[in-house]
Amino acid sequence: MSTMGDGNTDTSPVGDRPITRADLEAKFSQLRGSTTATQTQRNVGVMAVVVAGVALVLGAYLFGRLRGRKRRTIVEVVRA
């Protein structure tokens, strides 16, 4: 069995003994753990974008209201 070209440079952790179900479950749980960490980071990133978008829209709304108040014309009606 040649390991050239397969990209695997690690030595076999089991040696000459057969691979057991426990070995497979341990490796799969290790792989799944790294996937959930990536998924968590992605969720945090999406949440940050959503919060930034809401803050931007809210800021634009409040800025528009302030600007509208400054430009509003005051009409005074005087009856003589």
C-alpha atoms as a PDB file:
ATOM      1  CA  MET A   1       0.000   0.000   0.000  1.00  0.00           C
ATOM      2  CA  SER A   2       1.523   3.294  -1.101  1.00  0.00           C
ATOM      3  CA  THR A   3       0.680   6.611   0.543  1.00  0.00           C
ATOM      4  CA  MET A   4       2.296   8.736  -2.168  1.00  0.00           C
ATOM      5  CA  GLY A   5       0.065  11.406  -3.602  1.00  0.00           C
ATOM      6  CA  ASP A   6      -2.857  10.907  -1.239  1.00  0.00           C
ATOM      7  CA  GLY A   7      -1.933  13.976   0.852  1.00  0.00           C
ATOM      8  CA  ASN A   8      -1.888  12.006   4.081  1.00  0.00           C
ATOM      9  CA  THR A   9       1.460  12.508   5.815  1.00  0.00           C
ATOM     10  CA  ASP A  10       0.305  11.330   9.246  1.00  0.00           C
ATOM     11  CA  THR A  11       1.356   7.959  10.525  1.00  0.00           C
ATOM     12  CA  SER A  12      -1.466   5.574  11.221  1.00  0.00           C
ATOM     13  CA  PRO A  13      -2.621   5.961  14.844  1.00  0.00           C
ATOM     14  CA  VAL A  14      -3.764   2.357  15.060  1.00  0.00           C
ATOM     15  CA  GLY A  15      -0.590   0.679  13.800  1.00  0.00           C
ATOM     16  CA  ASP A  16      -1.144  -2.924  12.691  1.00  0.00           C
ATOM     17  CA  ARG A  17      -4.412  -3.487  14.516  1.00  0.00           C
ATOM     18  CA  PRO A  18      -7.736  -3.304  12.652  1.00  0.00           C
ATOM     19  CA  ILE A  19      -9.795  -0.127  12.711  1.00  0.00           C
ATOM     20  CA  THR A  20     -12.655  -0.452  15.175  1.00  0.00           C
ATOM     21  CA  ARG A  21     -16.035   1.215  15.406  1.00  0.00           C
ATOM     22  CA  ALA A  22     -14.763   3.286  18.351  1.00  0.00           C
ATOM     23  CA  ASP A  23     -11.893   4.600  16.203  1.00  0.00           C
ATOM     24  CA  LEU A  24     -14.340   5.686  13.481  1.00  0.00           C
ATOM     25  CA  GLU A  25     -16.748   7.298  15.957  1.00  0.00           C
ATOM     26  CA  ALA A  26     -13.910   9.210  17.614  1.00  0.00           C
ATOM     27  CA  LYS A  27     -12.677  10.549  14.281  1.00  0.00           C
ATOM     28  CA  PHE A  28     -16.184  11.471  13.092  1.00  0.00           C
ATOM     29  CA  SER A  29     -16.912  13.324  16.339  1.00  0.00           C
ATOM     30  CA  GLN A  30     -13.624  15.195  15.950  1.00  0.00           C
ATOM     31  CA  LEU A  31     -14.569  16.217  12.401  1.00  0.00           C
ATOM     32  CA  ARG A  32     -18.099  17.178  13.435  1.00  0.00           C
ATOM     33  CA  GLY A  33     -16.697  19.366  16.231  1.00  0.00           C
ATOM     34  CA  SER A  34     -14.677  21.444  13.765  1.00  0.00           C
ATOM     35  CA  THR A  35     -17.748  21.810  11.534  1.00  0.00           C
ATOM     36  CA  THR A  36     -19.928  23.127  14.358  1.00  0.00           C
ATOM     37  CA  ALA A  37     -17.266  25.697  15.252  1.00  0.00           C
ATOM     38  CA  THR A  38     -17.333  26.974  11.671  1.00  0.00           C
ATOM     39  CA  GLN A  39     -21.141  27.045  11.692  1.00  0.00           C
ATOM     40  CA  THR A  40     -21.117  29.036  14.948  1.00  0.00           C
ATOM     41  CA  GLN A  41     -18.713  31.584  13.484  1.00  0.00           C
ATOM     42  CA  ARG A  42     -20.920  31.899  10.396  1.00  0.00           C
ATOM     43  CA  ASN A  43     -23.998  32.497  12.583  1.00  0.00           C
ATOM     44  CA  VAL A  44     -22.174  35.196  14.538  1.00  0.00           C
ATOM     45  CA  GLY A  45     -21.122  36.872  11.283  1.00  0.00           C
ATOM     46  CA  VAL A  46     -24.666  36.846   9.902  1.00  0.00           C
ATOM     47  CA  MET A  47     -26.005  38.266  13.163  1.00  0.00           C
ATOM     48  CA  ALA A  48     -23.406  41.070  13.088  1.00  0.00           C
ATOM     49  CA  VAL A  49     -24.431  42.007   9.522  1.00  0.00           C
ATOM     50  CA  VAL A  50     -28.116  42.053  10.486  1.00  0.00           C
ATOM     51  CA  VAL A  51     -27.464  44.247  13.536  1.00  0.00           C
ATOM     52  CA  ALA A  52     -25.316  46.631  11.461  1.00  0.00           C
ATOM     53  CA  GLY A  53     -28.069  46.877   8.820  1.00  0.00           C
ATOM     54  CA  VAL A  54     -30.753  47.635  11.399  1.00  0.00           C
ATOM     55  CA  ALA A  55     -28.513  50.258  13.019  1.00  0.00           C
ATOM     56  CA  LEU A  56     -27.861  51.868   9.622  1.00  0.00           C
ATOM     57  CA  VAL A  57     -31.568  52.055   8.741  1.00  0.00           C
ATOM     58  CA  LEU A  58     -32.451  53.400  12.190  1.00  0.00           C
ATOM     59  CA  GLY A  59     -29.669  55.990  12.000  1.00  0.00           C
ATOM     60  CA  ALA A  60     -30.813  57.153   8.549  1.00  0.00           C
ATOM     61  CA  TYR A  61     -34.401  57.474   9.804  1.00  0.00           C
ATOM     62  CA  LEU A  62     -33.404  59.503  12.859  1.00  0.00           C
ATOM     63  CA  PHE A  63     -31.072  61.709  10.811  1.00  0.00           C
ATOM     64  CA  GLY A  64     -33.889  62.368   8.322  1.00  0.00           C
ATOM     65  CA  ARG A  65     -36.294  63.328  11.095  1.00  0.00           C
ATOM     66  CA  LEU A  66     -33.779  65.736  12.597  1.00  0.00           C
ATOM     67  CA  ARG A  67     -33.066  67.300   9.228  1.00  0.00           C
ATOM     68  CA  GLY A  68     -36.785  67.632   8.507  1.00  0.00           C
ATOM     69  CA  ARG A  69     -37.376  69.484  11.766  1.00  0.00           C
ATOM     70  CA  LYS A  70     -34.665  72.008  10.983  1.00  0.00           C
ATOM     71  CA  ARG A  71     -36.094  72.754   7.518  1.00  0.00           C
ATOM     72  CA  ARG A  72     -39.739  72.849   8.528  1.00  0.00           C
ATOM     73  CA  THR A  73     -41.456  76.119   7.808  1.00  0.00           C
ATOM     74  CA  ILE A  74     -43.322  77.765  10.654  1.00  0.00           C
ATOM     75  CA  VAL A  75     -46.488  79.466   9.485  1.00  0.00           C
ATOM     76  CA  GLU A  76     -48.055  81.947  11.834  1.00  0.00           C
ATOM     77  CA  VAL A  77     -51.642  82.926  11.226  1.00  0.00           C
ATOM     78  CA  VAL A  78     -52.604  86.350  12.531  1.00  0.00           C
ATOM     79  CA  ARG A  79     -56.171  87.620  12.360  1.00  0.00           C
ATOM     80  CA  ALA A  80     -56.629  91.294  12.432  1.00  0.00           C
END
